[in-house]
Amino acid sequence: MAETSGGPLAGVRVVDLTINVLGPQATQILGDMGAEVIKVEAPGGDPMRQMGPARHPGMGAFFLALNRNKKSVVLDLKQAADRARLLRLAAGADVFVHSMRAKAAARLGIAYADVRAVRDDIVYAWAGGYAKAGPLADRPAYDDVIQGESGIAGLIQRAGGGPAYVPMPMADKLCGYVLASSVAMALVARLRTGLGQEVHVPMLETMLGFNLVEHLWHGVLAEPEKGLGYARVLSADRRPYPTADGHICIMVNTDAQWRRLMAAVGRPEAMEDERFRHLDRRTENIGALLQILAGALSRRTTAAWRERLDAADIPNAAMATLEDIVASPYLAETGFFRRYDHPSEGPMMTTAIPVAFSETPGSLRLPPPRLGEHNGEILDRTD
């Protein structure tokens, strides 16, 4: 990794005490955008260092995927001397991020008031399971718990399966993106006002806001008793459609798109049915229409359907497996997967930064660090 440094957050220094997924996702985004991220780890390191295949202990694949563009130092915050070093680091930083519960931060002497005492305009950002002023503020929470409590597992059940979690730590990753963007907003506010502030991202409330955009339904009109949930996405028939040799993914919205789609699959008469002609009735009867579509699609190969649907300007794609994604010619052409040599771990692959900035692009500058790799470089600033 040796891309040119820079990015919209160049010059911003972040002290990062996060572990696991949510916080490291957020701080990796900040690092990709040019910030100097100092990852402060306990003597045992971030637990994610032990997750996934590895060539050396403490450098597991899950950790490697979440911790590029960071520098690692080891501090034992139960020791007064190391806590003092941390606060000296914070005094020279713009952002301080952690993902522990408020009581734990207070016990370690790194609550907002403690950090603000050494840098009054610090952006102090943290994520927890629940709203910091609510009765559940110090209740523990992880991704699966929040997926269940925010209704996601129940939506999967309602859509025709058993209750299930999305097969990824979706709540952690999404809240990580929200935490990163919230830090950036607080930095913009500081430029305008000169004031630092405390930023808190509660996982449950964040995921509820995300989930209920479409599913609040009659609740938007303050009439939740009339029904909740968006029927189209809850239909058991909304899924990749079997073709003669695989599966195809299709989505259309407008009346005109539906007419083109059903004509392309040889069922134009379906759109003359009063159940399907217009958006409101179509939403109510979407399952029946999707069954007609699925029956038509089973007759040809995925490639044949894609050719027809492209000609009709219908959004479509072949369903991809993880193996398909890694072998994708399109992603090879756009350079989405980047290969590099890690100084200790050898040949590695990572993903590109997806967001493009015309004037201040992010960059991949630093490989994921070994535990305490930057102790000398960083802690010399504080001693």
Protein backbone atom coordinates (compact mmCIF):
# COMPACT_ATOMS: atom_id res chain seq x y z
CA MET A 1 0.00 0.00 0.00
CA ALA A 2 1.63 3.17 -1.13
CA GLU A 3 -1.05 5.36 -2.70
CA THR A 4 -0.59 9.10 -2.41
CA SER A 5 -1.70 10.43 0.96
CA GLY A 6 -4.45 12.99 1.18
CA GLY A 7 -8.20 12.88 1.24
CA PRO A 8 -10.97 15.08 2.64
CA LEU A 9 -9.84 14.33 6.22
CA ALA A 10 -6.12 14.84 5.67
CA GLY A 11 -4.61 16.50 8.74
CA VAL A 12 -7.24 15.13 11.13
CA ARG A 13 -5.86 12.99 13.96
CA VAL A 14 -8.07 10.29 15.47
CA VAL A 15 -7.47 8.39 18.71
CA ASP A 16 -9.32 5.12 18.26
CA LEU A 17 -10.14 2.83 21.20
CA THR A 18 -12.70 0.73 19.32
CA ILE A 19 -12.70 -3.06 18.97
CA ASN A 20 -14.71 -5.75 17.19
CA VAL A 21 -16.66 -4.49 14.12
CA LEU A 22 -18.72 -1.30 14.53
CA GLY A 23 -15.98 1.04 15.74
CA PRO A 24 -13.17 -0.33 13.54
CA GLN A 25 -15.48 -0.04 10.51
CA ALA A 26 -16.01 3.64 11.36
CA THR A 27 -12.37 4.47 11.98
CA GLN A 28 -11.23 2.61 8.87
CA ILE A 29 -13.51 4.88 6.84
CA LEU A 30 -11.95 7.91 8.54
CA GLY A 31 -8.49 6.53 7.77
CA ASP A 32 -9.39 5.84 4.14
CA MET A 33 -10.46 9.47 3.87
CA GLY A 34 -7.03 10.67 4.97
CA ALA A 35 -7.20 10.89 8.77
CA GLU A 36 -4.29 9.68 10.88
CA VAL A 37 -5.90 6.94 12.98
CA ILE A 38 -4.06 5.80 16.10
CA LYS A 39 -5.56 2.49 17.19
CA VAL A 40 -5.06 2.10 20.94
CA GLU A 41 -5.22 -1.56 21.93
CA ALA A 42 -5.14 -3.34 25.26
CA PRO A 43 -2.19 -5.68 25.82
CA GLY A 44 -4.20 -8.59 24.38
CA GLY A 45 -5.19 -6.61 21.30
CA ASP A 46 -8.49 -6.21 19.50
CA PRO A 47 -10.33 -9.57 19.77
CA MET A 48 -10.89 -9.51 16.01
CA ARG A 49 -7.17 -10.21 15.58
CA GLN A 50 -8.04 -13.84 16.38
CA MET A 51 -10.89 -14.14 13.83
CA GLY A 52 -10.49 -15.84 10.48
CA PRO A 53 -7.63 -17.43 8.57
CA ALA A 54 -4.19 -16.07 9.41
CA ARG A 55 -0.55 -16.57 8.50
CA HIS A 56 0.62 -15.38 11.92
CA PRO A 57 -1.09 -15.15 15.32
CA GLY A 58 -2.99 -11.95 15.91
CA MET A 59 -3.42 -11.12 12.23
CA GLY A 60 -6.71 -12.81 11.35
CA ALA A 61 -8.58 -12.06 8.15
CA PHE A 62 -11.49 -10.31 9.87
CA PHE A 63 -9.09 -7.91 11.62
CA LEU A 64 -7.18 -7.32 8.38
CA ALA A 65 -10.43 -6.38 6.61
CA LEU A 66 -11.31 -3.70 9.18
CA ASN A 67 -8.04 -2.05 10.15
CA ARG A 68 -6.12 -0.68 7.20
CA ASN A 69 -4.88 2.92 7.30
CA LYS A 70 -4.29 2.74 11.07
CA LYS A 71 -1.34 2.74 13.44
CA SER A 72 -1.37 0.45 16.49
CA VAL A 73 -0.12 1.26 19.98
CA VAL A 74 -0.59 -0.80 23.13
CA LEU A 75 -1.66 0.85 26.37
CA ASP A 76 -2.98 -0.76 29.53
CA LEU A 77 -5.57 1.77 30.65
CA LYS A 78 -5.85 0.13 34.05
CA GLN A 79 -2.39 1.56 34.71
CA ALA A 80 -2.24 5.24 35.66
CA ALA A 81 0.86 5.89 33.56
CA ASP A 82 -0.74 4.51 30.39
CA ARG A 83 -3.97 6.37 31.03
CA ALA A 84 -1.91 9.56 31.29
CA ARG A 85 -0.22 8.71 27.96
CA LEU A 86 -3.64 8.24 26.37
CA LEU A 87 -4.85 11.62 27.57
CA ARG A 88 -1.70 13.23 26.23
CA LEU A 89 -2.45 11.60 22.88
CA ALA A 90 -6.00 12.95 23.08
CA ALA A 91 -4.68 16.45 23.78
CA GLY A 92 -3.06 16.43 20.35
CA ALA A 93 -5.99 14.83 18.53
CA ASP A 94 -9.09 16.12 16.77
CA VAL A 95 -11.27 13.07 17.36
CA PHE A 96 -11.53 10.52 20.18
CA VAL A 97 -13.58 7.39 19.41
CA HIS A 98 -14.57 4.41 21.54
CA SER A 99 -17.24 1.70 21.51
CA MET A 100 -17.50 0.79 25.19
CA ARG A 101 -20.41 1.44 27.52
CA ALA A 102 -20.50 4.75 29.37
CA LYS A 103 -19.84 3.21 32.79
CA ALA A 104 -16.76 1.41 31.48
CA ALA A 105 -15.39 4.62 29.98
CA ALA A 106 -16.02 6.43 33.26
CA ARG A 107 -14.24 3.71 35.28
CA LEU A 108 -11.20 4.09 33.02
CA GLY A 109 -11.23 7.87 33.39
CA ILE A 110 -11.91 8.53 29.70
CA ALA A 111 -15.50 9.84 29.76
CA TYR A 112 -16.27 12.93 27.71
CA ALA A 113 -15.55 15.28 30.61
CA ASP A 114 -12.13 13.65 31.16
CA VAL A 115 -11.09 13.95 27.53
CA ARG A 116 -12.56 17.40 27.08
CA ALA A 117 -10.46 18.57 30.02
CA VAL A 118 -7.32 18.03 27.93
CA ARG A 119 -8.76 19.21 24.59
CA ASP A 120 -11.83 21.39 24.87
CA ASP A 121 -12.71 21.28 21.16
CA ILE A 122 -12.36 17.51 20.81
CA VAL A 123 -14.96 15.57 18.84
CA TYR A 124 -15.68 12.74 21.27
CA ALA A 125 -17.62 10.00 19.48
CA TRP A 126 -18.88 6.69 20.71
CA ALA A 127 -21.42 4.00 19.92
CA GLY A 128 -23.48 1.89 22.27
CA GLY A 129 -26.45 -0.42 22.10
CA TYR A 130 -29.06 2.09 23.26
CA ALA A 131 -29.72 5.81 23.71
CA LYS A 132 -27.30 7.22 26.26
CA ALA A 133 -30.01 9.05 28.21
CA GLY A 134 -32.44 6.13 28.30
CA PRO A 135 -33.05 3.37 30.86
CA LEU A 136 -31.09 0.82 28.79
CA ALA A 137 -28.01 3.00 28.42
CA ASP A 138 -25.61 0.52 30.00
CA ARG A 139 -27.21 -2.67 28.76
CA PRO A 140 -24.85 -4.82 26.63
CA ALA A 141 -25.71 -5.34 22.97
CA TYR A 142 -24.22 -7.04 19.95
CA ASP A 143 -25.28 -7.27 16.33
CA ASP A 144 -27.62 -10.27 16.56
CA VAL A 145 -29.39 -8.76 19.57
CA ILE A 146 -29.98 -5.50 17.69
CA GLN A 147 -31.06 -7.29 14.49
CA GLY A 148 -33.71 -9.02 16.58
CA GLU A 149 -34.78 -6.03 18.64
CA SER A 150 -34.97 -3.66 15.67
CA GLY A 151 -37.40 -5.98 13.85
CA ILE A 152 -35.09 -7.30 11.14
CA ALA A 153 -35.26 -10.95 12.18
CA GLY A 154 -39.05 -10.65 12.46
CA LEU A 155 -39.30 -9.14 8.99
CA ILE A 156 -37.48 -12.15 7.56
CA GLN A 157 -39.99 -14.38 9.33
CA ARG A 158 -42.89 -12.32 7.98
CA ALA A 159 -41.49 -12.55 4.47
CA GLY A 160 -42.00 -16.29 4.49
CA GLY A 161 -39.14 -17.93 6.32
CA GLY A 162 -38.36 -18.66 9.92
CA PRO A 163 -37.04 -15.82 12.03
CA ALA A 164 -33.45 -15.27 10.95
CA TYR A 165 -30.60 -12.78 11.02
CA VAL A 166 -29.21 -11.19 7.87
CA PRO A 167 -26.04 -13.28 7.29
CA MET A 168 -23.64 -10.49 8.14
CA PRO A 169 -23.13 -8.18 11.15
CA MET A 170 -25.35 -5.65 9.40
CA ALA A 171 -26.20 -3.57 12.46
CA ASP A 172 -22.53 -3.24 13.37
CA LYS A 173 -21.47 -2.28 9.86
CA LEU A 174 -24.30 0.16 9.18
CA CYS A 175 -23.85 1.85 12.56
CA GLY A 176 -20.13 2.05 11.79
CA TYR A 177 -20.92 4.03 8.66
CA VAL A 178 -23.25 6.28 10.66
CA LEU A 179 -20.57 6.81 13.31
CA ALA A 180 -17.99 7.78 10.67
CA SER A 181 -20.35 10.22 8.95
CA SER A 182 -21.39 11.69 12.30
CA VAL A 183 -17.73 12.37 13.16
CA ALA A 184 -17.29 14.13 9.83
CA MET A 185 -20.38 16.27 10.50
CA ALA A 186 -19.08 17.22 13.94
CA LEU A 187 -15.76 18.25 12.38
CA VAL A 188 -17.63 20.48 9.92
CA ALA A 189 -19.55 22.01 12.83
CA ARG A 190 -16.27 22.67 14.64
CA LEU A 191 -14.90 24.49 11.61
CA ARG A 192 -17.96 26.72 11.66
CA THR A 193 -18.34 27.27 15.42
CA GLY A 194 -14.99 26.37 16.96
CA LEU A 195 -16.79 23.99 19.31
CA GLY A 196 -16.11 20.34 19.92
CA GLN A 197 -18.88 18.06 21.07
CA GLU A 198 -19.92 14.60 22.19
CA VAL A 199 -21.40 12.39 19.45
CA HIS A 200 -23.28 9.21 20.36
CA VAL A 201 -24.64 6.57 17.97
CA PRO A 202 -27.11 4.16 19.60
CA MET A 203 -27.37 0.92 17.65
CA LEU A 204 -31.04 0.17 18.34
CA GLU A 205 -32.39 3.60 17.48
CA THR A 206 -30.13 3.85 14.42
CA MET A 207 -31.34 0.50 13.11
CA LEU A 208 -34.97 1.35 13.85
CA GLY A 209 -34.66 4.56 11.84
CA PHE A 210 -33.08 2.54 9.03
CA ASN A 211 -35.67 -0.23 9.18
CA LEU A 212 -38.81 1.87 9.48
CA VAL A 213 -38.28 4.10 6.45
CA GLU A 214 -40.60 1.85 4.44
CA HIS A 215 -42.14 -0.33 7.13
CA LEU A 216 -43.75 2.35 9.32
CA TRP A 217 -46.39 2.51 6.55
CA HIS A 218 -49.74 3.59 8.12
CA GLY A 219 -47.74 4.67 11.14
CA VAL A 220 -46.42 7.61 9.09
CA LEU A 221 -50.01 8.89 9.14
CA ALA A 222 -50.19 8.26 12.92
CA GLU A 223 -52.47 5.26 12.26
CA PRO A 224 -50.29 2.24 13.04
CA GLU A 225 -53.34 0.17 13.93
CA LYS A 226 -54.24 0.11 10.21
CA GLY A 227 -51.12 -1.83 9.33
CA LEU A 228 -47.34 -1.76 9.36
CA GLY A 229 -44.94 -3.09 6.76
CA TYR A 230 -44.34 -2.50 3.04
CA ALA A 231 -46.05 -5.37 1.23
CA ARG A 232 -43.81 -5.47 -1.82
CA VAL A 233 -40.61 -6.21 0.05
CA LEU A 234 -42.36 -8.53 2.51
CA SER A 235 -43.74 -10.77 -0.21
CA ALA A 236 -42.44 -14.34 -0.01
CA ASP A 237 -42.23 -14.20 -3.81
CA ARG A 238 -39.70 -11.36 -3.76
CA ARG A 239 -36.52 -13.31 -4.30
CA PRO A 240 -34.07 -14.11 -7.09
CA TYR A 241 -36.01 -15.84 -9.86
CA PRO A 242 -34.98 -19.32 -11.06
CA THR A 243 -34.00 -19.48 -14.72
CA ALA A 244 -33.16 -22.50 -16.83
CA ASP A 245 -29.57 -22.48 -15.53
CA GLY A 246 -29.38 -20.25 -12.44
CA HIS A 247 -31.08 -17.22 -10.92
CA ILE A 248 -31.72 -13.67 -12.04
CA CYS A 249 -32.44 -10.54 -9.98
CA ILE A 250 -34.88 -7.96 -11.34
CA MET A 251 -36.52 -4.89 -9.89
CA VAL A 252 -38.85 -2.38 -11.50
CA ASN A 253 -41.09 0.32 -10.04
CA THR A 254 -43.06 2.40 -12.49
CA ASP A 255 -46.06 1.40 -14.58
CA ALA A 256 -44.02 1.85 -17.75
CA GLN A 257 -41.21 -0.36 -16.45
CA TRP A 258 -43.65 -3.10 -15.48
CA ARG A 259 -45.22 -3.01 -18.94
CA ARG A 260 -41.82 -3.32 -20.61
CA LEU A 261 -40.80 -6.12 -18.27
CA MET A 262 -43.90 -8.22 -18.76
CA ALA A 263 -43.72 -7.70 -22.52
CA ALA A 264 -40.07 -8.82 -22.51
CA VAL A 265 -40.94 -12.06 -20.68
CA GLY A 266 -43.89 -12.78 -22.97
CA ARG A 267 -46.71 -11.94 -20.56
CA PRO A 268 -47.88 -8.45 -21.64
CA GLU A 269 -51.51 -9.30 -20.93
CA ALA A 270 -50.77 -9.44 -17.20
CA MET A 271 -50.60 -5.66 -17.13
CA GLU A 272 -54.21 -5.40 -18.28
CA ASP A 273 -55.34 -7.13 -15.10
CA GLU A 274 -56.94 -4.59 -12.76
CA ARG A 275 -54.84 -6.00 -9.90
CA PHE A 276 -51.61 -4.94 -11.57
CA ARG A 277 -52.28 -1.94 -13.83
CA HIS A 278 -51.46 0.78 -11.32
CA LEU A 279 -48.98 1.15 -8.48
CA ASP A 280 -51.37 1.12 -5.52
CA ARG A 281 -53.24 -2.06 -6.57
CA ARG A 282 -50.03 -3.68 -7.74
CA THR A 283 -48.49 -3.17 -4.31
CA GLU A 284 -51.49 -4.87 -2.70
CA ASN A 285 -51.29 -7.83 -5.10
CA ILE A 286 -47.58 -8.02 -5.69
CA GLY A 287 -47.25 -11.69 -4.75
CA ALA A 288 -49.57 -12.81 -7.55
CA LEU A 289 -47.72 -10.70 -10.13
CA LEU A 290 -44.32 -11.97 -9.00
CA GLN A 291 -45.54 -15.55 -9.36
CA ILE A 292 -46.51 -14.86 -12.98
CA LEU A 293 -43.09 -13.31 -13.58
CA ALA A 294 -41.28 -16.21 -11.96
CA GLY A 295 -43.16 -18.73 -14.08
CA ALA A 296 -42.14 -16.96 -17.28
CA LEU A 297 -38.48 -16.62 -16.30
CA SER A 298 -37.96 -20.33 -15.74
CA ARG A 299 -38.08 -21.01 -19.48
CA ARG A 300 -34.76 -19.47 -20.59
CA THR A 301 -31.18 -19.16 -19.39
CA THR A 302 -29.99 -16.26 -17.29
CA ALA A 303 -27.85 -14.93 -20.15
CA ALA A 304 -30.76 -15.05 -22.58
CA TRP A 305 -33.02 -13.16 -20.19
CA ARG A 306 -30.35 -10.58 -19.45
CA GLU A 307 -30.00 -9.84 -23.16
CA ARG A 308 -33.75 -9.32 -23.50
CA LEU A 309 -34.06 -7.27 -20.34
CA ASP A 310 -31.11 -5.05 -21.25
CA ALA A 311 -32.78 -4.35 -24.58
CA ALA A 312 -35.90 -3.29 -22.67
CA ASP A 313 -33.85 -1.12 -20.28
CA ILE A 314 -34.90 -3.20 -17.26
CA PRO A 315 -32.55 -3.27 -14.22
CA ASN A 316 -31.29 -6.84 -13.86
CA ALA A 317 -28.31 -8.91 -12.77
CA ALA A 318 -27.31 -12.51 -12.39
CA MET A 319 -27.37 -13.63 -8.78
CA ALA A 320 -23.75 -13.75 -7.61
CA THR A 321 -22.06 -15.99 -5.08
CA LEU A 322 -19.07 -14.81 -3.07
CA GLU A 323 -16.88 -16.76 -5.49
CA ASP A 324 -18.54 -15.03 -8.46
CA ILE A 325 -17.81 -11.64 -6.92
CA VAL A 326 -14.11 -12.31 -6.47
CA ALA A 327 -13.88 -13.56 -10.08
CA SER A 328 -16.02 -10.76 -11.57
CA PRO A 329 -14.62 -9.31 -14.84
CA TYR A 330 -16.42 -6.03 -14.11
CA LEU A 331 -14.76 -5.65 -10.71
CA ALA A 332 -11.41 -6.56 -12.24
CA GLU A 333 -11.88 -3.82 -14.83
CA THR A 334 -12.83 -1.19 -12.23
CA GLY A 335 -10.00 -2.23 -9.88
CA PHE A 336 -12.28 -2.95 -6.95
CA PHE A 337 -10.01 -5.62 -5.49
CA ARG A 338 -6.53 -4.38 -4.68
CA ARG A 339 -3.58 -6.69 -4.08
CA TYR A 340 -0.62 -5.65 -1.98
CA ASP A 341 2.26 -7.13 0.01
CA HIS A 342 1.97 -6.80 3.78
CA PRO A 343 5.38 -6.37 5.45
CA SER A 344 4.84 -9.34 7.75
CA GLU A 345 1.83 -11.20 6.34
CA GLY A 346 2.77 -11.46 2.67
CA PRO A 347 0.39 -11.22 -0.31
CA MET A 348 -2.96 -9.71 0.62
CA MET A 349 -6.14 -8.50 -1.04
CA THR A 350 -8.41 -5.68 0.04
CA THR A 351 -11.30 -3.73 -1.42
CA ALA A 352 -11.04 -0.30 -2.99
CA ILE A 353 -12.54 2.83 -1.46
CA PRO A 354 -15.94 2.98 -3.19
CA VAL A 355 -16.60 6.72 -2.78
CA ALA A 356 -14.95 8.98 -5.34
CA PHE A 357 -13.86 12.57 -4.63
CA SER A 358 -12.76 14.56 -7.68
CA GLU A 359 -10.34 16.82 -5.78
CA THR A 360 -9.49 15.07 -2.48
CA PRO A 361 -9.69 11.31 -3.04
CA GLY A 362 -9.11 8.89 -0.22
CA SER A 363 -6.19 6.47 -0.39
CA LEU A 364 -4.88 3.13 0.80
CA ARG A 365 -1.70 4.13 2.58
CA LEU A 366 -1.06 1.79 5.49
CA PRO A 367 -1.56 -1.97 5.79
CA PRO A 368 -3.34 -3.28 8.89
CA PRO A 369 -0.86 -2.93 11.77
CA ARG A 370 0.74 -5.55 13.93
CA LEU A 371 -0.13 -5.23 17.60
CA GLY A 372 1.83 -2.31 19.06
CA GLU A 373 3.70 -1.78 15.80
CA HIS A 374 3.75 1.99 16.21
CA ASN A 375 4.45 2.27 19.93
CA GLY A 376 7.78 3.95 19.38
CA GLU A 377 6.58 6.37 16.72
CA ILE A 378 3.42 7.43 18.51
CA LEU A 379 4.20 7.22 22.19
CA ASP A 380 7.37 9.27 21.76
CA ARG A 381 4.96 12.19 21.28
CA THR A 382 3.60 11.74 24.78
CA ASP A 383 6.72 10.91 26.83
